[in-house]
């Protein structure tokens, strides 16, 4: 029970962390609907689970190949910039209210790759894994419980964020939605620059 509680606290800490996926989750829920946001968030959670599993088995390789590799930061930055440009240009061509019907698989993949190519996410889970294994001396099953609890809390809080954002969507019109899309795209581009040049 103590291990699950520690995992829950880690999940709560991550839930209040404001990053790219936070803004994209809110934007998706407000402009495309609650169900679309859930598909996007599913991609993020699967990405987190993939990163956690990889970190558990390949910590030293990830540290040397990704975290300390400038090319990974450049690739991650370019991916974010590409998403940002696509957000701006694609929403310029379409009515946002119509674009809200985009396919679920694409939303899932967007969530997966936006999270996967964010170096800060990899570093966070790498640090969390190193800390828990060194300080708590967890077994394999205990590690699964710890990080499962963390992701469970993240999932619940993401659902709440998306739901309340969706409730606010009724106050939005097409012009406001277009502004949100453009701001989201600009934010992604700026984050891409930050990742590359930090």
C-alpha atoms as a PDB file:
ATOM      1  CA  UNK A   1       0.000   0.000   0.000  1.00  0.00           C
ATOM      2  CA  UNK A   2       2.904   2.320   0.808  1.00  0.00           C
ATOM      3  CA  UNK A   3       4.349   1.750  -2.674  1.00  0.00           C
ATOM      4  CA  UNK A   4       1.026   2.547  -4.336  1.00  0.00           C
ATOM      5  CA  UNK A   5       0.759   5.749  -2.285  1.00  0.00           C
ATOM      6  CA  UNK A   6       4.203   6.848  -3.407  1.00  0.00           C
ATOM      7  CA  UNK A   7       3.182   6.121  -6.991  1.00  0.00           C
ATOM      8  CA  UNK A   8       0.003   8.165  -6.541  1.00  0.00           C
ATOM      9  CA  UNK A   9       2.033  11.117  -5.223  1.00  0.00           C
ATOM     10  CA  UNK A  10       4.339  10.871  -8.244  1.00  0.00           C
ATOM     11  CA  UNK A  11       1.313  10.849 -10.535  1.00  0.00           C
ATOM     12  CA  UNK A  12      -0.135  13.919  -8.793  1.00  0.00           C
ATOM     13  CA  UNK A  13       3.175  15.735  -9.231  1.00  0.00           C
ATOM     14  CA  UNK A  14       3.243  14.898 -12.924  1.00  0.00           C
ATOM     15  CA  UNK A  15      -0.409  15.930 -13.309  1.00  0.00           C
ATOM     16  CA  UNK A  16       0.274  19.521 -12.266  1.00  0.00           C
ATOM     17  CA  UNK A  17       3.284  19.738 -14.589  1.00  0.00           C
ATOM     18  CA  UNK A  18       2.290  22.003 -17.473  1.00  0.00           C
ATOM     19  CA  UNK A  19       3.860  20.793 -20.687  1.00  0.00           C
ATOM     20  CA  UNK A  20       3.080  20.423 -24.370  1.00  0.00           C
ATOM     21  CA  UNK A  21       0.682  17.511 -23.881  1.00  0.00           C
ATOM     22  CA  UNK A  22      -1.280  19.505 -21.280  1.00  0.00           C
ATOM     23  CA  UNK A  23      -1.997  22.306 -23.744  1.00  0.00           C
ATOM     24  CA  UNK A  24      -2.721  19.899 -26.570  1.00  0.00           C
ATOM     25  CA  UNK A  25      -5.125  17.876 -24.408  1.00  0.00           C
ATOM     26  CA  UNK A  26      -7.060  21.008 -23.430  1.00  0.00           C
ATOM     27  CA  UNK A  27      -7.056  22.304 -26.995  1.00  0.00           C
ATOM     28  CA  UNK A  28      -8.241  18.963 -28.394  1.00  0.00           C
ATOM     29  CA  UNK A  29     -11.071  18.717 -25.877  1.00  0.00           C
ATOM     30  CA  UNK A  30     -12.244  22.282 -26.496  1.00  0.00           C
ATOM     31  CA  UNK A  31     -12.076  22.156 -30.284  1.00  0.00           C
ATOM     32  CA  UNK A  32     -12.766  18.503 -31.164  1.00  0.00           C
ATOM     33  CA  UNK A  33     -14.694  17.151 -28.213  1.00  0.00           C
ATOM     34  CA  UNK A  34     -14.211  15.054 -25.101  1.00  0.00           C
ATOM     35  CA  UNK A  35     -13.977  11.717 -26.915  1.00  0.00           C
ATOM     36  CA  UNK A  36     -11.276  13.048 -29.239  1.00  0.00           C
ATOM     37  CA  UNK A  37      -9.311  14.239 -26.213  1.00  0.00           C
ATOM     38  CA  UNK A  38      -9.527  10.752 -24.747  1.00  0.00           C
ATOM     39  CA  UNK A  39      -8.006   9.263 -27.894  1.00  0.00           C
ATOM     40  CA  UNK A  40      -5.214  11.842 -27.754  1.00  0.00           C
ATOM     41  CA  UNK A  41      -4.626  11.117 -24.060  1.00  0.00           C
ATOM     42  CA  UNK A  42      -4.596   7.369 -24.719  1.00  0.00           C
ATOM     43  CA  UNK A  43      -1.672   7.967 -27.067  1.00  0.00           C
ATOM     44  CA  UNK A  44       0.128   9.971 -24.385  1.00  0.00           C
ATOM     45  CA  UNK A  45      -0.408   7.271 -21.747  1.00  0.00           C
ATOM     46  CA  UNK A  46       0.755   4.477 -24.057  1.00  0.00           C
ATOM     47  CA  UNK A  47       3.810   6.588 -24.843  1.00  0.00           C
ATOM     48  CA  UNK A  48       4.495   7.050 -21.120  1.00  0.00           C
ATOM     49  CA  UNK A  49       4.140   3.311 -20.528  1.00  0.00           C
ATOM     50  CA  UNK A  50       6.527   2.615 -23.420  1.00  0.00           C
ATOM     51  CA  UNK A  51       9.090   5.064 -22.051  1.00  0.00           C
ATOM     52  CA  UNK A  52       8.825   3.640 -18.519  1.00  0.00           C
ATOM     53  CA  UNK A  53       9.271   0.076 -19.782  1.00  0.00           C
ATOM     54  CA  UNK A  54      12.241   1.084 -21.944  1.00  0.00           C
ATOM     55  CA  UNK A  55      13.837   3.009 -19.082  1.00  0.00           C
ATOM     56  CA  UNK A  56      13.451   0.024 -16.747  1.00  0.00           C
ATOM     57  CA  UNK A  57      15.256  -2.362 -19.089  1.00  0.00           C
ATOM     58  CA  UNK A  58      17.601  -0.015 -20.973  1.00  0.00           C
ATOM     59  CA  UNK A  59      18.503   2.794 -18.546  1.00  0.00           C
ATOM     60  CA  UNK A  60      22.194   3.045 -19.430  1.00  0.00           C
ATOM     61  CA  UNK A  61      21.527   2.858 -23.178  1.00  0.00           C
ATOM     62  CA  UNK A  62      18.854   5.566 -23.029  1.00  0.00           C
ATOM     63  CA  UNK A  63      21.085   7.848 -20.967  1.00  0.00           C
ATOM     64  CA  UNK A  64      23.992   7.532 -23.393  1.00  0.00           C
ATOM     65  CA  UNK A  65      22.050   7.418 -26.649  1.00  0.00           C
ATOM     66  CA  UNK A  66      19.156   9.803 -26.048  1.00  0.00           C
ATOM     67  CA  UNK A  67      19.485  12.034 -22.997  1.00  0.00           C
ATOM     68  CA  UNK A  68      23.119  12.932 -23.689  1.00  0.00           C
ATOM     69  CA  UNK A  69      22.714  12.971 -27.455  1.00  0.00           C
ATOM     70  CA  UNK A  70      22.371  16.359 -29.133  1.00  0.00           C
ATOM     71  CA  UNK A  71      20.812  14.773 -32.217  1.00  0.00           C
ATOM     72  CA  UNK A  72      17.882  13.490 -30.158  1.00  0.00           C
ATOM     73  CA  UNK A  73      17.157  17.032 -28.948  1.00  0.00           C
ATOM     74  CA  UNK A  74      17.371  18.321 -32.518  1.00  0.00           C
ATOM     75  CA  UNK A  75      15.055  15.577 -33.773  1.00  0.00           C
ATOM     76  CA  UNK A  76      12.607  16.217 -30.941  1.00  0.00           C
ATOM     77  CA  UNK A  77      12.660  19.960 -31.590  1.00  0.00           C
ATOM     78  CA  UNK A  78      12.035  19.490 -35.308  1.00  0.00           C
ATOM     79  CA  UNK A  79       9.121  17.146 -34.592  1.00  0.00           C
ATOM     80  CA  UNK A  80       7.508  19.756 -32.341  1.00  0.00           C
ATOM     81  CA  UNK A  81       8.065  22.492 -34.930  1.00  0.00           C
ATOM     82  CA  UNK A  82       6.564  20.269 -37.614  1.00  0.00           C
ATOM     83  CA  UNK A  83       3.462  19.650 -35.501  1.00  0.00           C
ATOM     84  CA  UNK A  84       3.196  23.396 -34.863  1.00  0.00           C
ATOM     85  CA  UNK A  85       3.411  24.356 -38.528  1.00  0.00           C
ATOM     86  CA  UNK A  86       0.881  21.659 -39.418  1.00  0.00           C
ATOM     87  CA  UNK A  87      -1.491  22.937 -36.740  1.00  0.00           C
ATOM     88  CA  UNK A  88      -1.374  26.462 -38.138  1.00  0.00           C
ATOM     89  CA  UNK A  89      -1.567  25.623 -41.848  1.00  0.00           C
ATOM     90  CA  UNK A  90      -4.128  22.816 -41.688  1.00  0.00           C
ATOM     91  CA  UNK A  91      -6.496  24.852 -39.541  1.00  0.00           C
ATOM     92  CA  UNK A  92      -6.140  27.794 -41.921  1.00  0.00           C
ATOM     93  CA  UNK A  93      -7.501  25.654 -44.740  1.00  0.00           C
ATOM     94  CA  UNK A  94     -10.388  24.117 -42.832  1.00  0.00           C
ATOM     95  CA  UNK A  95     -13.259  25.266 -40.721  1.00  0.00           C
ATOM     96  CA  UNK A  96     -12.258  24.176 -37.177  1.00  0.00           C
ATOM     97  CA  UNK A  97     -15.792  22.978 -36.472  1.00  0.00           C
ATOM     98  CA  UNK A  98     -15.534  20.582 -39.402  1.00  0.00           C
ATOM     99  CA  UNK A  99     -11.937  19.611 -38.629  1.00  0.00           C
ATOM    100  CA  UNK A 100     -13.122  18.466 -35.201  1.00  0.00           C
ATOM    101  CA  UNK A 101     -14.193  15.160 -36.809  1.00  0.00           C
ATOM    102  CA  UNK A 102     -10.620  13.995 -37.482  1.00  0.00           C
ATOM    103  CA  UNK A 103      -9.879  10.315 -37.131  1.00  0.00           C
ATOM    104  CA  UNK A 104      -9.262   8.730 -33.764  1.00  0.00           C
ATOM    105  CA  UNK A 105      -6.129   6.880 -34.887  1.00  0.00           C
ATOM    106  CA  UNK A 106      -4.496  10.140 -35.925  1.00  0.00           C
ATOM    107  CA  UNK A 107      -5.307  11.704 -32.559  1.00  0.00           C
ATOM    108  CA  UNK A 108      -3.823   8.679 -30.808  1.00  0.00           C
ATOM    109  CA  UNK A 109      -0.617   8.888 -32.850  1.00  0.00           C
ATOM    110  CA  UNK A 110      -0.356  12.646 -32.282  1.00  0.00           C
ATOM    111  CA  UNK A 111      -0.524  12.119 -28.520  1.00  0.00           C
ATOM    112  CA  UNK A 112       1.969   9.255 -28.696  1.00  0.00           C
ATOM    113  CA  UNK A 113       4.630  11.051 -30.728  1.00  0.00           C
ATOM    114  CA  UNK A 114       4.265  14.504 -29.138  1.00  0.00           C
ATOM    115  CA  UNK A 115       4.943  12.853 -25.784  1.00  0.00           C
ATOM    116  CA  UNK A 116       7.587  10.424 -27.054  1.00  0.00           C
ATOM    117  CA  UNK A 117       9.754  13.108 -28.698  1.00  0.00           C
ATOM    118  CA  UNK A 118       9.675  15.435 -25.697  1.00  0.00           C
ATOM    119  CA  UNK A 119      13.121  15.076 -24.045  1.00  0.00           C
ATOM    120  CA  UNK A 120      11.792  16.403 -20.725  1.00  0.00           C
ATOM    121  CA  UNK A 121       9.355  13.459 -20.509  1.00  0.00           C
ATOM    122  CA  UNK A 122      12.158  10.927 -21.081  1.00  0.00           C
ATOM    123  CA  UNK A 123      14.353  12.673 -18.509  1.00  0.00           C
ATOM    124  CA  UNK A 124      11.503  12.786 -15.969  1.00  0.00           C
ATOM    125  CA  UNK A 125      10.767   9.065 -16.171  1.00  0.00           C
ATOM    126  CA  UNK A 126      14.488   8.262 -16.249  1.00  0.00           C
ATOM    127  CA  UNK A 127      14.981  10.259 -13.041  1.00  0.00           C
ATOM    128  CA  UNK A 128      11.886   8.733 -11.447  1.00  0.00           C
ATOM    129  CA  UNK A 129      13.099   5.227 -12.279  1.00  0.00           C
ATOM    130  CA  UNK A 130      16.611   5.873 -10.971  1.00  0.00           C
ATOM    131  CA  UNK A 131      15.249   7.396  -7.756  1.00  0.00           C
ATOM    132  CA  UNK A 132      12.716   4.665  -6.993  1.00  0.00           C
ATOM    133  CA  UNK A 133      15.084   1.780  -7.699  1.00  0.00           C
ATOM    134  CA  UNK A 134      17.912   3.286  -5.648  1.00  0.00           C
ATOM    135  CA  UNK A 135      15.878   4.633  -2.733  1.00  0.00           C
ATOM    136  CA  UNK A 136      13.037   2.124  -2.417  1.00  0.00           C
ATOM    137  CA  UNK A 137      14.814  -1.070  -3.579  1.00  0.00           C
ATOM    138  CA  UNK A 138      11.700  -2.218  -5.432  1.00  0.00           C
ATOM    139  CA  UNK A 139      11.207  -5.635  -6.957  1.00  0.00           C
ATOM    140  CA  UNK A 140       9.853  -6.012 -10.480  1.00  0.00           C
ATOM    141  CA  UNK A 141       6.275  -6.411  -9.237  1.00  0.00           C
ATOM    142  CA  UNK A 142       6.600  -3.458  -6.868  1.00  0.00           C
ATOM    143  CA  UNK A 143       7.990  -1.307  -9.675  1.00  0.00           C
ATOM    144  CA  UNK A 144       4.964  -2.228 -11.802  1.00  0.00           C
ATOM    145  CA  UNK A 145       2.644  -1.234  -8.934  1.00  0.00           C
ATOM    146  CA  UNK A 146       4.459   2.048  -8.376  1.00  0.00           C
ATOM    147  CA  UNK A 147       4.422   3.246 -11.966  1.00  0.00           C
ATOM    148  CA  UNK A 148       0.992   1.743 -12.616  1.00  0.00           C
ATOM    149  CA  UNK A 149      -0.358   3.869  -9.759  1.00  0.00           C
ATOM    150  CA  UNK A 150       1.398   6.927 -11.189  1.00  0.00           C
ATOM    151  CA  UNK A 151      -0.086   6.463 -14.649  1.00  0.00           C
ATOM    152  CA  UNK A 152      -3.509   5.712 -13.173  1.00  0.00           C
ATOM    153  CA  UNK A 153      -3.537   9.063 -11.375  1.00  0.00           C
ATOM    154  CA  UNK A 154      -2.321  10.840 -14.501  1.00  0.00           C
ATOM    155  CA  UNK A 155      -5.126   9.232 -16.525  1.00  0.00           C
ATOM    156  CA  UNK A 156      -7.824  10.245 -14.035  1.00  0.00           C
ATOM    157  CA  UNK A 157      -6.620  13.846 -13.794  1.00  0.00           C
ATOM    158  CA  UNK A 158      -6.328  14.085 -17.587  1.00  0.00           C
ATOM    159  CA  UNK A 159      -9.938  12.929 -17.917  1.00  0.00           C
ATOM    160  CA  UNK A 160     -11.022  15.665 -15.499  1.00  0.00           C
ATOM    161  CA  UNK A 161      -8.999  18.307 -17.361  1.00  0.00           C
ATOM    162  CA  UNK A 162     -10.473  17.249 -20.699  1.00  0.00           C
ATOM    163  CA  UNK A 163     -14.006  17.136 -19.314  1.00  0.00           C
ATOM    164  CA  UNK A 164     -13.948  20.649 -17.882  1.00  0.00           C
ATOM    165  CA  UNK A 165     -12.294  21.979 -21.036  1.00  0.00           C
ATOM    166  CA  UNK A 166     -15.049  20.337 -23.075  1.00  0.00           C
ATOM    167  CA  UNK A 167     -17.712  22.003 -20.921  1.00  0.00           C
ATOM    168  CA  UNK A 168     -16.174  25.365 -21.818  1.00  0.00           C
ATOM    169  CA  UNK A 169     -16.274  24.607 -25.548  1.00  0.00           C
ATOM    170  CA  UNK A 170     -19.925  25.659 -25.813  1.00  0.00           C
ATOM    171  CA  UNK A 171     -18.792  29.254 -25.335  1.00  0.00           C
ATOM    172  CA  UNK A 172     -16.455  29.152 -28.335  1.00  0.00           C
ATOM    173  CA  UNK A 173     -17.156  30.256 -31.894  1.00  0.00           C
ATOM    174  CA  UNK A 174     -15.267  29.501 -35.127  1.00  0.00           C
ATOM    175  CA  UNK A 175     -13.060  32.604 -34.871  1.00  0.00           C
ATOM    176  CA  UNK A 176     -12.054  31.811 -31.296  1.00  0.00           C
ATOM    177  CA  UNK A 177     -11.289  28.208 -32.241  1.00  0.00           C
ATOM    178  CA  UNK A 178      -9.044  29.362 -35.078  1.00  0.00           C
ATOM    179  CA  UNK A 179      -7.148  31.611 -32.668  1.00  0.00           C
ATOM    180  CA  UNK A 180      -6.701  28.677 -30.283  1.00  0.00           C
ATOM    181  CA  UNK A 181      -5.344  26.507 -33.107  1.00  0.00           C
ATOM    182  CA  UNK A 182      -2.863  29.177 -34.193  1.00  0.00           C
ATOM    183  CA  UNK A 183      -1.716  29.829 -30.613  1.00  0.00           C
ATOM    184  CA  UNK A 184      -1.262  26.091 -30.082  1.00  0.00           C
ATOM    185  CA  UNK A 185       0.820  25.859 -33.256  1.00  0.00           C
ATOM    186  CA  UNK A 186       2.994  28.814 -32.267  1.00  0.00           C
ATOM    187  CA  UNK A 187       3.492  27.284 -28.814  1.00  0.00           C
ATOM    188  CA  UNK A 188       4.657  24.007 -30.383  1.00  0.00           C
ATOM    189  CA  UNK A 189       7.098  25.847 -32.669  1.00  0.00           C
ATOM    190  CA  UNK A 190       8.549  27.835 -29.760  1.00  0.00           C
ATOM    191  CA  UNK A 191       8.899  24.665 -27.707  1.00  0.00           C
ATOM    192  CA  UNK A 192      10.715  23.077 -30.637  1.00  0.00           C
ATOM    193  CA  UNK A 193      13.187  25.973 -30.757  1.00  0.00           C
ATOM    194  CA  UNK A 194      13.690  25.709 -26.992  1.00  0.00           C
ATOM    195  CA  UNK A 195      14.428  21.974 -27.154  1.00  0.00           C
ATOM    196  CA  UNK A 196      16.983  22.459 -29.931  1.00  0.00           C
ATOM    197  CA  UNK A 197      18.808  25.526 -28.583  1.00  0.00           C
ATOM    198  CA  UNK A 198      18.562  25.088 -24.806  1.00  0.00           C
END
